[in-house]
N, C-alpha and C. Protein backbone atom coordinates (compact mmCIF):
# COMPACT_ATOMS: atom_id res chain seq x y z
N MET A 1 42.27 67.66 124.91
CA MET A 1 42.22 65.99 125.08
C MET A 1 43.48 65.35 124.32
N ILE A 2 43.75 64.19 124.53
CA ILE A 2 45.05 63.84 124.27
C ILE A 2 44.54 62.58 123.10
N GLU A 3 44.99 63.18 121.71
CA GLU A 3 44.90 61.31 121.04
C GLU A 3 46.13 61.21 120.44
N THR A 4 46.28 60.16 119.57
CA THR A 4 47.79 59.27 119.43
C THR A 4 47.38 58.80 117.80
N ILE A 5 48.60 59.13 116.93
CA ILE A 5 48.38 58.24 116.04
C ILE A 5 50.26 57.39 116.06
N ILE A 6 49.86 56.55 114.61
CA ILE A 6 50.97 55.61 114.73
C ILE A 6 51.67 55.72 113.30
N PHE A 7 52.98 56.11 113.35
CA PHE A 7 53.70 56.59 112.13
C PHE A 7 54.84 55.59 112.30
N GLY A 8 54.72 54.15 111.18
CA GLY A 8 55.81 53.43 111.10
C GLY A 8 55.46 52.68 112.65
N THR A 9 57.00 52.52 113.37
CA THR A 9 57.40 52.11 114.76
C THR A 9 57.11 52.86 115.78
N LYS A 10 56.73 54.70 115.56
CA LYS A 10 56.54 55.35 116.26
C LYS A 10 55.40 55.47 116.79
N GLN A 11 54.93 56.03 118.10
CA GLN A 11 53.84 56.61 118.43
C GLN A 11 53.88 58.16 118.35
N ILE A 12 52.66 58.99 118.06
CA ILE A 12 52.94 60.42 118.67
C ILE A 12 51.65 60.57 119.40
N ASP A 13 51.79 61.24 120.37
CA ASP A 13 50.61 61.48 121.04
C ASP A 13 50.41 62.94 120.88
N PHE A 14 49.38 63.57 121.21
CA PHE A 14 49.37 65.26 120.75
C PHE A 14 48.38 65.60 121.97
N LEU A 15 48.58 66.39 121.90
CA LEU A 15 47.49 67.72 122.78
C LEU A 15 46.15 68.57 121.90
N LEU A 16 44.99 67.71 121.45
CA LEU A 16 44.23 68.85 120.64
C LEU A 16 43.25 69.77 121.37
N GLU A 17 43.04 71.04 121.07
CA GLU A 17 42.62 71.75 121.20
C GLU A 17 41.67 72.64 119.76
N PHE A 18 40.66 72.42 119.83
CA PHE A 18 39.81 72.95 118.75
C PHE A 18 39.18 74.20 119.55
N SER A 19 39.33 75.49 118.58
CA SER A 19 39.39 76.87 118.50
C SER A 19 38.52 77.69 117.35
N GLY A 20 38.74 78.85 117.59
CA GLY A 20 37.59 79.66 116.22
C GLY A 20 38.75 79.88 115.20
N ARG A 21 40.17 79.51 115.07
CA ARG A 21 40.99 79.21 114.22
C ARG A 21 40.37 78.68 112.72
N LYS A 22 41.00 79.00 111.06
CA LYS A 22 40.66 78.66 110.14
C LYS A 22 41.11 77.16 109.90
N SER A 23 42.72 77.37 110.33
CA SER A 23 43.27 76.52 109.82
C SER A 23 43.93 75.59 111.13
N LEU A 24 44.08 74.36 110.75
CA LEU A 24 45.05 73.29 111.53
C LEU A 24 46.29 73.35 111.78
N GLY A 25 46.72 74.15 113.16
CA GLY A 25 48.29 74.36 113.66
C GLY A 25 48.73 73.27 114.31
N ILE A 26 49.78 73.16 114.27
CA ILE A 26 50.59 71.71 114.82
C ILE A 26 51.97 72.67 115.13
N THR A 27 52.48 72.37 116.80
CA THR A 27 53.52 73.07 117.06
C THR A 27 54.22 71.94 117.86
N VAL A 28 55.40 71.95 117.89
CA VAL A 28 56.51 71.08 118.95
C VAL A 28 56.84 71.60 120.09
N THR A 29 57.03 71.29 120.77
CA THR A 29 57.87 72.43 122.01
C THR A 29 58.64 71.61 122.45
N PRO A 30 59.90 72.70 123.02
CA PRO A 30 60.96 71.93 123.59
C PRO A 30 61.27 70.99 124.46
N ASP A 31 60.05 70.83 124.93
CA ASP A 31 59.84 69.61 125.79
C ASP A 31 59.29 68.49 125.46
N LEU A 32 59.53 68.59 123.71
CA LEU A 32 59.04 67.37 122.99
C LEU A 32 57.34 66.89 122.90
N ALA A 33 56.57 68.19 123.51
CA ALA A 33 55.10 67.80 123.58
C ALA A 33 54.86 68.36 121.88
N VAL A 34 53.80 67.56 121.78
CA VAL A 34 52.86 67.88 120.16
C VAL A 34 51.66 68.55 120.48
N LEU A 35 51.32 69.85 120.38
CA LEU A 35 50.22 70.53 120.49
C LEU A 35 49.33 70.71 118.87
N VAL A 36 48.13 70.62 119.30
CA VAL A 36 47.48 70.91 117.58
C VAL A 36 46.31 71.59 117.69
N LYS A 37 45.99 72.83 117.64
CA LYS A 37 44.89 73.54 117.46
C LYS A 37 43.99 73.38 115.82
N ALA A 38 42.80 72.96 116.34
CA ALA A 38 42.23 73.06 114.92
C ALA A 38 40.83 73.75 114.99
N PRO A 39 40.36 73.98 113.92
CA PRO A 39 39.08 74.62 113.79
C PRO A 39 37.92 73.59 114.69
N VAL A 40 36.92 74.57 114.93
CA VAL A 40 35.96 73.64 115.66
C VAL A 40 35.30 72.95 114.79
N ASP A 41 34.73 71.46 114.93
CA ASP A 41 33.79 70.65 114.52
C ASP A 41 35.03 70.04 113.21
N THR A 42 36.56 70.35 113.14
CA THR A 42 37.01 69.37 112.66
C THR A 42 36.96 67.93 112.91
N PRO A 43 36.34 66.86 112.19
CA PRO A 43 36.42 65.59 111.94
C PRO A 43 37.78 64.83 112.97
N ILE A 44 37.81 64.05 113.69
CA ILE A 44 38.93 63.90 114.23
C ILE A 44 39.79 63.09 113.59
N GLU A 45 39.18 62.21 112.56
CA GLU A 45 40.51 61.42 111.52
C GLU A 45 40.95 62.18 110.71
N LYS A 46 40.31 63.47 110.19
CA LYS A 46 40.89 64.16 109.33
C LYS A 46 42.33 64.81 110.02
N ILE A 47 41.83 65.12 111.36
CA ILE A 47 42.80 65.92 112.33
C ILE A 47 43.91 64.68 112.32
N LYS A 48 43.55 63.61 112.39
CA LYS A 48 44.83 62.56 112.37
C LYS A 48 45.36 61.88 110.99
N GLU A 49 44.91 62.34 109.91
CA GLU A 49 45.42 62.59 108.52
C GLU A 49 46.23 63.19 108.38
N LYS A 50 46.26 64.66 108.87
CA LYS A 50 47.05 65.84 108.82
C LYS A 50 48.34 65.49 109.68
N ILE A 51 48.29 64.92 110.65
CA ILE A 51 48.88 64.92 111.84
C ILE A 51 50.21 63.50 111.06
N ARG A 52 49.52 62.61 110.56
CA ARG A 52 50.25 61.68 109.76
C ARG A 52 51.38 62.24 108.76
N LYS A 53 50.64 62.80 107.95
CA LYS A 53 51.72 63.52 106.74
C LYS A 53 52.68 64.91 107.37
N LYS A 54 52.41 64.98 108.49
CA LYS A 54 53.49 65.66 108.96
C LYS A 54 54.09 65.04 110.18
N ALA A 55 54.33 63.82 110.14
CA ALA A 55 55.00 63.07 111.26
C ALA A 55 56.37 63.06 111.22
N PRO A 56 57.12 62.81 109.65
CA PRO A 56 58.47 63.20 109.37
C PRO A 56 58.74 64.35 109.77
N TRP A 57 58.16 65.67 110.44
CA TRP A 57 58.60 66.84 110.55
C TRP A 57 58.25 67.15 112.02
N ILE A 58 57.30 66.41 112.50
CA ILE A 58 57.27 66.01 114.18
C ILE A 58 58.29 65.73 114.72
N ILE A 59 59.02 64.45 113.77
CA ILE A 59 59.71 63.53 114.85
C ILE A 59 61.04 64.51 114.63
N ARG A 60 60.96 65.08 113.33
CA ARG A 60 62.83 65.71 113.33
C ARG A 60 62.73 66.82 114.16
N GLN A 61 61.54 67.55 114.45
CA GLN A 61 61.62 68.14 115.63
C GLN A 61 62.17 68.11 116.93
N GLN A 62 60.85 67.06 117.35
CA GLN A 62 61.62 66.13 118.29
C GLN A 62 62.84 65.87 118.71
N SER A 63 63.60 65.24 117.44
CA SER A 63 65.08 65.01 117.58
C SER A 63 65.87 65.76 117.76
N PHE A 64 65.49 67.30 117.27
CA PHE A 64 66.09 68.47 116.98
C PHE A 64 66.59 69.31 118.47
N PHE A 65 65.37 68.79 119.12
CA PHE A 65 64.66 69.27 120.41
C PHE A 65 65.31 68.37 121.76
N LEU A 66 65.87 67.12 121.32
CA LEU A 66 66.17 66.02 122.09
C LEU A 66 67.77 66.54 122.84
N VAL A 67 68.68 67.05 122.03
CA VAL A 67 69.71 67.19 122.45
C VAL A 67 70.30 68.21 123.87
N PHE A 68 68.71 69.15 123.73
CA PHE A 68 68.74 69.76 124.85
C PHE A 68 68.44 69.16 126.47
N HIS A 69 68.00 68.05 126.10
CA HIS A 69 67.72 67.29 127.30
C HIS A 69 68.60 66.37 127.99
N PRO A 70 69.30 66.54 128.94
CA PRO A 70 70.47 66.16 129.82
C PRO A 70 69.95 64.75 130.01
N LYS A 71 70.88 63.74 129.78
CA LYS A 71 70.68 62.47 130.32
C LYS A 71 72.19 61.85 131.21
N MET A 72 72.19 62.41 132.33
CA MET A 72 73.25 62.36 133.44
C MET A 72 73.36 60.97 133.82
N THR A 73 74.30 60.28 133.56
CA THR A 73 74.24 58.87 134.60
C THR A 73 74.21 59.29 136.09
N GLU A 74 73.76 58.05 136.72
CA GLU A 74 73.83 58.52 138.44
C GLU A 74 75.47 58.16 138.77
N ARG A 75 75.48 58.66 139.61
CA ARG A 75 77.10 58.62 140.09
C ARG A 75 76.89 58.33 141.79
N LYS A 76 78.03 57.31 142.23
CA LYS A 76 77.61 57.44 143.14
C LYS A 76 78.93 58.02 144.24
N TYR A 77 79.73 58.94 143.42
CA TYR A 77 80.73 59.87 144.17
C TYR A 77 81.44 58.73 145.00
N VAL A 78 82.16 57.95 144.66
CA VAL A 78 83.40 56.65 145.20
C VAL A 78 84.54 56.89 144.67
N GLY A 79 85.76 56.60 144.94
CA GLY A 79 87.09 56.98 144.62
C GLY A 79 86.99 56.00 143.14
N GLY A 80 87.59 56.42 142.42
CA GLY A 80 87.62 55.38 141.07
C GLY A 80 86.79 55.98 140.23
N GLU A 81 85.52 56.62 140.48
CA GLU A 81 84.31 56.88 139.40
C GLU A 81 84.87 58.22 138.60
N THR A 82 84.36 57.88 137.21
CA THR A 82 84.63 58.86 136.55
C THR A 82 83.64 60.05 136.10
N HIS A 83 84.24 61.22 136.04
CA HIS A 83 83.27 61.99 135.91
C HIS A 83 83.87 63.35 134.83
N LEU A 84 83.06 63.84 134.22
CA LEU A 84 83.69 64.84 133.03
C LEU A 84 83.56 66.32 133.58
N TYR A 85 84.68 67.07 133.46
CA TYR A 85 84.58 68.15 133.11
C TYR A 85 85.49 68.96 131.94
N PHE A 86 84.34 69.75 131.81
CA PHE A 86 85.05 70.48 130.22
C PHE A 86 85.06 69.45 129.26
N GLY A 87 84.38 68.37 129.26
CA GLY A 87 84.70 67.40 127.92
C GLY A 87 85.92 66.25 128.18
N ARG A 88 86.45 66.62 128.93
CA ARG A 88 87.29 65.33 129.46
C ARG A 88 86.84 64.65 130.81
N GLN A 89 87.48 63.27 130.95
CA GLN A 89 86.92 62.67 131.77
C GLN A 89 88.34 62.47 132.83
N TYR A 90 87.61 62.61 134.19
CA TYR A 90 88.11 62.31 135.51
C TYR A 90 87.95 61.52 136.35
N ARG A 91 89.18 61.08 137.13
CA ARG A 91 88.54 60.23 138.37
C ARG A 91 88.71 60.72 139.01
N LEU A 92 87.45 60.18 140.43
CA LEU A 92 87.40 60.80 141.80
C LEU A 92 88.60 60.12 142.75
N LYS A 93 89.40 61.25 143.06
CA LYS A 93 90.35 60.48 144.39
C LYS A 93 89.64 61.14 145.62
N ILE A 94 89.62 60.25 146.00
CA ILE A 94 88.97 60.74 148.35
C ILE A 94 90.24 60.40 148.85
N ILE A 95 90.46 61.94 150.11
CA ILE A 95 91.35 62.24 150.49
C ILE A 95 90.75 62.44 151.90
N MET A 96 90.61 61.26 153.02
CA MET A 96 90.32 61.74 154.27
C MET A 96 91.05 63.21 154.97
N GLY A 97 90.30 64.30 155.05
CA GLY A 97 91.30 65.01 156.07
C GLY A 97 90.47 66.25 156.64
N ASP A 98 91.00 67.04 157.53
CA ASP A 98 90.28 67.87 158.30
C ASP A 98 90.15 69.24 157.26
N VAL A 99 90.69 69.38 156.56
CA VAL A 99 90.37 70.98 155.80
C VAL A 99 89.50 70.39 154.27
N GLU A 100 88.52 71.25 154.17
CA GLU A 100 87.87 70.31 152.74
C GLU A 100 88.03 71.03 151.66
N SER A 101 88.32 70.26 150.45
CA SER A 101 88.39 70.91 149.28
C SER A 101 88.59 70.34 148.17
N VAL A 102 88.26 70.45 146.72
CA VAL A 102 87.46 70.03 145.73
C VAL A 102 89.05 70.72 144.68
N LYS A 103 89.94 69.82 143.79
CA LYS A 103 90.71 70.52 142.77
C LYS A 103 91.24 69.39 142.27
N LEU A 104 91.31 70.01 140.83
CA LEU A 104 92.16 68.78 139.31
C LEU A 104 93.59 68.66 139.70
N LYS A 105 93.74 67.44 139.75
CA LYS A 105 95.20 67.54 140.17
C LYS A 105 95.75 66.22 139.06
N GLY A 106 96.25 66.64 137.72
CA GLY A 106 96.36 65.36 136.94
C GLY A 106 95.00 64.95 135.84
N LYS A 107 95.25 63.52 136.21
CA LYS A 107 93.63 62.85 135.52
C LYS A 107 92.90 63.06 137.02
N PHE A 108 92.99 63.70 138.11
CA PHE A 108 92.05 63.43 139.16
C PHE A 108 91.36 64.64 139.13
N ILE A 109 89.87 64.31 140.67
CA ILE A 109 89.49 65.35 140.64
C ILE A 109 89.68 65.07 141.74
N GLU A 110 90.50 65.33 143.02
CA GLU A 110 90.75 65.14 144.25
C GLU A 110 89.87 65.72 145.00
N VAL A 111 89.16 65.07 146.00
CA VAL A 111 88.19 65.55 147.10
C VAL A 111 88.90 65.30 148.57
N THR A 112 89.15 66.48 149.21
CA THR A 112 89.49 66.20 150.68
C THR A 112 88.55 66.15 151.72
N THR A 113 88.18 65.67 152.56
CA THR A 113 87.00 66.00 153.59
C THR A 113 86.73 65.17 154.69
N PHE A 114 86.49 65.19 155.38
CA PHE A 114 86.49 64.84 156.63
C PHE A 114 85.05 63.76 157.10
N ASP A 115 84.05 63.73 156.02
CA ASP A 115 82.93 62.94 155.92
C ASP A 115 82.72 62.70 154.51
N LYS A 116 82.77 60.92 154.12
CA LYS A 116 82.03 60.46 152.90
C LYS A 116 80.87 61.47 152.65
N GLU A 117 79.67 61.55 153.49
CA GLU A 117 78.85 61.58 153.09
C GLU A 117 78.82 63.04 152.54
N ARG A 118 79.63 63.79 152.72
CA ARG A 118 79.93 65.15 152.07
C ARG A 118 80.45 65.38 150.63
N ILE A 119 80.92 64.08 150.24
CA ILE A 119 81.31 64.12 148.83
C ILE A 119 80.94 64.73 147.78
N LYS A 120 79.34 64.59 147.60
CA LYS A 120 78.43 64.38 146.59
C LYS A 120 78.73 66.04 146.81
N GLN A 121 78.43 66.85 147.84
CA GLN A 121 77.15 68.05 147.76
C GLN A 121 78.75 69.16 147.78
N LEU A 122 80.04 68.65 147.97
CA LEU A 122 81.35 69.05 147.52
C LEU A 122 81.51 68.90 145.93
N VAL A 123 81.68 68.33 145.53
CA VAL A 123 81.95 68.17 144.03
C VAL A 123 80.76 68.92 143.61
N ASP A 124 79.59 68.98 143.82
CA ASP A 124 78.69 69.56 142.93
C ASP A 124 78.72 70.97 143.45
N ASP A 125 79.46 71.72 144.47
CA ASP A 125 79.58 73.07 144.34
C ASP A 125 80.84 73.54 144.02
N TRP A 126 81.65 72.81 143.35
CA TRP A 126 82.94 72.44 142.94
C TRP A 126 82.44 72.89 141.62
N TYR A 127 81.53 71.98 140.83
CA TYR A 127 81.21 72.34 139.92
C TYR A 127 80.43 73.02 139.49
N LEU A 128 79.66 73.70 140.41
CA LEU A 128 78.74 75.30 140.26
C LEU A 128 79.55 76.31 140.04
N GLN A 129 80.80 76.68 141.08
CA GLN A 129 81.93 77.26 141.14
C GLN A 129 82.41 77.76 139.98
N ASN A 130 82.56 76.47 138.96
CA ASN A 130 83.23 76.79 137.66
C ASN A 130 82.71 77.22 137.00
N ALA A 131 81.27 76.58 136.82
CA ALA A 131 80.59 76.95 135.93
C ALA A 131 80.01 78.24 135.54
N LYS A 132 79.94 78.90 137.04
CA LYS A 132 79.79 80.26 137.39
C LYS A 132 80.67 81.17 136.33
N LYS A 133 82.27 80.94 136.35
CA LYS A 133 83.38 81.11 136.13
C LYS A 133 83.07 80.98 134.68
N LYS A 134 83.21 80.06 134.04
CA LYS A 134 83.70 79.50 132.65
C LYS A 134 82.30 79.55 131.45
N LEU A 135 81.21 79.43 132.40
CA LEU A 135 80.01 79.51 131.39
C LEU A 135 79.68 80.97 130.98
N TYR A 136 79.78 81.97 132.09
CA TYR A 136 79.75 83.48 131.99
C TYR A 136 80.58 83.71 130.99
N ALA A 137 81.88 83.32 131.13
CA ALA A 137 82.96 83.97 130.18
C ALA A 137 82.94 83.65 128.95
N ILE A 138 82.37 82.65 128.61
CA ILE A 138 82.23 82.27 127.23
C ILE A 138 80.84 82.84 126.82
N GLY A 139 79.66 83.20 127.50
CA GLY A 139 78.95 83.86 127.29
C GLY A 139 79.14 85.18 126.61
N LEU A 140 79.93 85.81 127.46
CA LEU A 140 79.97 87.09 127.55
C LEU A 140 81.00 87.55 126.32
N GLU A 141 81.68 86.63 125.46
CA GLU A 141 82.59 86.78 124.24
C GLU A 141 81.23 87.21 123.03
N LEU A 142 80.24 85.95 123.38
CA LEU A 142 79.20 85.48 122.03
C LEU A 142 78.49 86.51 122.45
N ILE A 143 78.07 87.33 123.36
CA ILE A 143 77.34 88.11 123.50
C ILE A 143 77.85 89.41 122.66
N GLU A 144 79.11 89.62 123.02
CA GLU A 144 79.81 90.82 122.28
C GLU A 144 79.31 90.69 120.60
N LYS A 145 79.98 89.48 120.32
CA LYS A 145 79.75 89.15 118.60
C LYS A 145 78.32 89.52 118.01
N PHE A 146 77.31 89.08 119.21
CA PHE A 146 76.28 89.00 118.57
C PHE A 146 75.47 90.46 118.24
N LYS A 147 75.75 91.86 119.58
CA LYS A 147 75.47 93.34 119.36
C LYS A 147 75.63 93.61 117.84
N LYS A 148 76.42 92.86 117.22
CA LYS A 148 76.00 93.65 115.73
C LYS A 148 74.90 93.41 115.22
N TYR A 149 73.83 92.68 115.72
CA TYR A 149 72.54 92.03 115.17
C TYR A 149 71.36 93.18 116.24
N ASN A 150 71.93 94.24 116.82
CA ASN A 150 71.36 95.25 117.75
C ASN A 150 70.54 94.29 118.79
N VAL A 151 71.28 92.94 119.53
CA VAL A 151 70.29 92.48 120.10
C VAL A 151 71.47 92.15 121.61
N GLU A 152 70.29 91.90 122.54
CA GLU A 152 71.49 91.58 123.75
C GLU A 152 70.71 90.90 124.84
N PRO A 153 71.07 89.94 125.59
CA PRO A 153 70.27 89.10 126.67
C PRO A 153 70.29 90.47 127.96
N THR A 154 68.67 90.32 128.32
CA THR A 154 68.59 91.01 129.18
C THR A 154 69.60 90.65 130.61
N SER A 155 69.86 89.07 130.74
CA SER A 155 70.66 88.90 131.36
C SER A 155 70.78 87.14 131.06
N VAL A 156 71.84 86.66 131.68
CA VAL A 156 72.13 85.31 131.71
C VAL A 156 72.36 84.63 133.25
N ILE A 157 71.74 83.80 133.25
CA ILE A 157 72.03 83.47 134.69
C ILE A 157 71.66 81.69 134.50
N LEU A 158 72.49 80.90 135.56
CA LEU A 158 72.37 79.62 135.38
C LEU A 158 71.11 79.09 136.42
N ARG A 159 70.47 77.97 135.87
CA ARG A 159 69.56 77.56 136.78
C ARG A 159 69.67 75.97 136.44
N GLU A 160 69.19 75.08 137.35
CA GLU A 160 69.39 73.66 137.34
C GLU A 160 67.97 73.02 136.03
N MET A 161 68.13 72.77 135.55
CA MET A 161 66.45 72.27 134.27
C MET A 161 66.92 70.54 133.90
N PRO A 162 66.18 69.79 134.69
CA PRO A 162 66.07 68.49 134.41
C PRO A 162 66.11 67.72 132.81
N THR A 163 65.31 69.04 131.94
CA THR A 163 65.07 68.49 130.25
C THR A 163 65.81 69.90 129.72
N ARG A 164 66.34 70.79 130.11
CA ARG A 164 67.11 71.62 129.12
C ARG A 164 68.42 71.99 129.46
N TRP A 165 69.20 72.30 128.15
CA TRP A 165 70.68 72.81 128.48
C TRP A 165 70.56 73.87 128.44
N GLY A 166 69.79 74.80 128.00
CA GLY A 166 69.27 76.06 127.88
C GLY A 166 67.99 76.54 127.60
N SER A 167 67.83 77.81 127.12
CA SER A 167 66.72 78.69 127.11
C SER A 167 66.69 80.02 127.35
N CYS A 168 65.70 80.69 126.02
CA CYS A 168 65.65 82.21 126.14
C CYS A 168 64.22 82.58 126.19
N THR A 169 63.91 83.40 127.34
CA THR A 169 62.74 83.63 127.88
C THR A 169 62.21 84.44 126.62
N ALA A 170 60.82 84.85 127.06
CA ALA A 170 60.54 85.93 125.84
C ALA A 170 60.61 87.46 125.75
N LYS A 171 61.04 87.43 127.28
CA LYS A 171 61.58 88.79 127.60
C LYS A 171 63.40 89.05 127.44
N GLY A 172 63.96 88.00 126.63
CA GLY A 172 65.16 88.27 126.62
C GLY A 172 66.20 87.74 127.66
N LYS A 173 65.72 87.09 128.30
CA LYS A 173 66.67 86.18 129.65
C LYS A 173 67.06 84.86 129.13
N ILE A 174 68.49 84.68 129.56
CA ILE A 174 69.05 83.36 128.46
C ILE A 174 69.39 82.57 129.92
N ILE A 175 68.76 81.49 129.81
CA ILE A 175 69.12 80.17 131.09
C ILE A 175 69.94 79.65 130.61
N LEU A 176 70.83 79.25 131.27
CA LEU A 176 71.92 78.12 130.97
C LEU A 176 71.83 76.85 132.20
N ASN A 177 72.00 75.82 131.71
CA ASN A 177 72.16 74.48 132.59
C ASN A 177 73.40 74.79 133.17
N PRO A 178 73.78 74.36 134.87
CA PRO A 178 75.21 74.58 134.62
C PRO A 178 75.93 73.12 134.56
N GLU A 179 75.07 72.39 134.24
CA GLU A 179 75.84 70.74 133.88
C GLU A 179 76.43 71.22 132.50
N LEU A 180 76.11 72.04 131.67
CA LEU A 180 77.33 72.64 130.85
C LEU A 180 78.59 72.10 130.83
N ILE A 181 78.86 72.58 132.44
CA ILE A 181 80.49 72.89 132.79
C ILE A 181 81.05 71.28 132.34
N LYS A 182 80.13 70.30 132.13
CA LYS A 182 80.89 68.94 131.83
C LYS A 182 81.16 68.51 130.57
N ALA A 183 80.61 69.25 129.64
CA ALA A 183 80.68 69.46 128.12
C ALA A 183 82.11 70.14 127.71
N PRO A 184 82.13 69.73 126.60
CA PRO A 184 83.72 70.73 125.51
C PRO A 184 83.27 71.95 125.21
N LYS A 185 84.16 73.10 124.96
CA LYS A 185 83.65 74.25 125.00
C LYS A 185 83.26 74.30 124.19
N GLY A 186 83.06 73.94 122.83
CA GLY A 186 82.78 74.04 121.06
C GLY A 186 80.55 73.43 121.48
N CYS A 187 80.80 72.57 122.73
CA CYS A 187 79.20 72.07 122.88
C CYS A 187 78.69 73.54 123.50
N ILE A 188 79.55 74.03 124.79
CA ILE A 188 78.65 74.99 125.39
C ILE A 188 78.40 76.42 124.48
N GLU A 189 79.21 76.78 123.54
CA GLU A 189 79.01 77.62 122.54
C GLU A 189 78.00 77.51 121.98
N TYR A 190 77.83 76.27 121.21
CA TYR A 190 77.00 75.69 120.60
C TYR A 190 75.24 76.23 121.08
N VAL A 191 75.16 75.77 122.47
CA VAL A 191 74.05 76.08 123.37
C VAL A 191 73.86 77.64 123.27
N ILE A 192 75.03 78.75 123.95
CA ILE A 192 74.78 79.46 124.07
C ILE A 192 74.63 80.52 122.94
N ILE A 193 74.95 79.99 121.29
CA ILE A 193 74.45 80.86 120.30
C ILE A 193 73.30 80.43 119.72
N HIS A 194 72.95 78.87 120.19
CA HIS A 194 71.28 78.71 119.88
C HIS A 194 70.47 79.54 120.76
N GLU A 195 71.17 80.47 121.84
CA GLU A 195 69.80 80.49 122.59
C GLU A 195 69.66 82.14 122.15
N LEU A 196 71.05 82.66 121.65
CA LEU A 196 71.50 84.37 121.11
C LEU A 196 70.48 84.03 119.84
N CYS A 197 70.41 83.21 119.23
CA CYS A 197 70.02 83.45 117.71
C CYS A 197 68.46 83.49 118.08
N HIS A 198 67.88 83.06 119.63
CA HIS A 198 66.40 83.09 119.63
C HIS A 198 66.12 84.58 120.05
N LEU A 199 66.68 85.59 120.21
CA LEU A 199 66.49 86.93 120.25
C LEU A 199 66.29 87.50 119.40
N ILE A 200 66.72 86.71 118.01
CA ILE A 200 66.50 87.61 116.79
C ILE A 200 65.25 86.51 116.17
N HIS A 201 65.44 85.26 116.28
CA HIS A 201 64.37 84.66 115.47
C HIS A 201 63.93 83.33 116.32
N HIS A 202 63.00 83.88 117.06
CA HIS A 202 61.85 82.98 118.41
C HIS A 202 61.62 81.58 117.72
N ASP A 203 61.36 81.60 116.74
CA ASP A 203 61.06 79.82 116.11
C ASP A 203 62.38 79.59 115.57
N HIS A 204 62.15 77.89 115.54
CA HIS A 204 63.01 77.28 114.05
C HIS A 204 62.87 77.14 113.07
N THR A 205 62.88 78.46 112.25
CA THR A 205 62.38 78.84 111.31
C THR A 205 63.76 78.52 110.46
N GLN A 206 63.64 77.99 108.91
CA GLN A 206 64.66 78.36 108.20
C GLN A 206 66.12 79.87 108.42
N LYS A 207 65.13 80.77 108.72
CA LYS A 207 65.96 82.03 109.00
C LYS A 207 66.93 81.96 110.53
N PHE A 208 66.15 81.16 111.32
CA PHE A 208 66.87 80.71 112.41
C PHE A 208 68.39 80.33 112.13
N LEU A 209 67.75 78.15 111.67
CA LEU A 209 69.14 77.98 111.24
C LEU A 209 70.22 78.22 110.37
N ASP A 210 69.47 79.19 109.40
CA ASP A 210 70.87 80.57 108.69
C ASP A 210 71.37 80.80 109.33
N LEU A 211 71.30 81.49 110.37
CA LEU A 211 71.70 82.34 111.25
C LEU A 211 72.47 81.67 112.69
N GLN A 212 72.25 80.46 112.84
CA GLN A 212 72.77 79.09 113.35
C GLN A 212 74.04 79.11 112.89
N SER A 213 73.76 79.02 111.24
CA SER A 213 75.14 78.24 110.71
C SER A 213 75.74 78.91 110.32
N MET A 214 75.89 80.78 110.27
CA MET A 214 76.36 81.81 110.02
C MET A 214 77.17 82.05 111.16
N GLU A 215 76.83 81.63 112.36
CA GLU A 215 77.53 82.36 113.55
C GLU A 215 78.04 81.06 113.95
N MET A 216 77.91 79.49 113.93
CA MET A 216 78.85 78.55 113.92
C MET A 216 78.58 77.68 112.97
N PRO A 217 79.35 77.44 112.21
CA PRO A 217 79.03 76.51 110.56
C PRO A 217 79.19 75.23 111.14
N TYR A 218 79.99 74.69 112.22
CA TYR A 218 79.97 73.33 112.47
C TYR A 218 78.90 73.16 113.55
N TRP A 219 78.11 73.81 113.54
CA TRP A 219 77.04 73.37 115.09
C TRP A 219 76.41 72.07 115.08
N GLU A 220 76.42 71.53 113.97
CA GLU A 220 75.93 69.82 114.26
C GLU A 220 76.58 69.05 114.74
N LYS A 221 78.19 69.24 114.16
CA LYS A 221 79.57 68.62 115.14
C LYS A 221 79.10 68.57 116.55
N TRP A 222 78.84 69.94 117.02
CA TRP A 222 78.82 70.45 118.43
C TRP A 222 77.65 69.38 118.75
N LYS A 223 76.48 69.50 117.95
CA LYS A 223 75.14 69.46 118.92
C LYS A 223 74.95 67.72 119.39
N MET A 224 76.07 67.20 117.83
CA MET A 224 75.94 65.61 117.89
C MET A 224 76.73 65.01 119.15
N LYS A 225 78.37 65.76 119.35
CA LYS A 225 78.54 65.80 120.69
C LYS A 225 78.11 65.31 122.00
N LEU A 226 77.49 66.99 121.85
CA LEU A 226 76.80 66.78 123.26
C LEU A 226 75.92 66.01 123.66
N GLU A 227 75.22 65.34 122.35
CA GLU A 227 74.13 64.11 122.37
C GLU A 227 74.85 63.12 122.65
N LYS A 228 75.96 62.69 122.51
CA LYS A 228 76.52 61.38 122.68
C LYS A 228 77.39 61.40 123.95
N LEU A 229 78.37 62.64 124.10
CA LEU A 229 78.72 62.71 125.46
C LEU A 229 78.49 62.60 126.54
N LEU A 230 76.88 63.24 126.57
CA LEU A 230 76.46 63.51 128.07
C LEU A 230 75.06 62.49 128.00
N ALA A 231 75.11 61.41 127.37
CA ALA A 231 74.16 60.72 127.18
C ALA A 231 73.93 59.62 128.46
């Protein structure tokens, strides 16, 4: 069942489940959901009081995961509109012609097409092709670095994810959002390193953060840049 507490100006909704466990457990998922498991017959007010005490930690965890939630501005795909690529802004330049193509030219993403209705599809395909080349290349370098920990992902794939920049499955598969191609290289490295760290530490414990800091000392800078750039 869904319960709610108020902490300052924030409302925290949480899914409450009762089980045979002896103590209260609180989990914040990458989708920002708060899951609470409590011993059977625990009074609801006692549970809410414990949630209030843990509220600062819950809010910090949600903020931590929030950077992995893409919030891309809706585009119209018209001439002069700005689009990001590898952390830089480019303007769309539309050229009507018989041979369709998309290419970078100076400060422009130049799109040639015979049908304006196809502009979005052409640009999306261009982004995906570049994401496959560049994200895999950056990932391979970082995977090589992590082999010193005797870990390696079972595979690396690209998949559109409306609420995630990246994820690591229980079986060691790393999934990257192709939208990352719009971010600077440092942001891309941060997301990949974050997921590679999950091959060693599955939760966001202090050991996880220590490893992430060791592999990328300035990860917080890139986390903030990703959050601002693609918000």
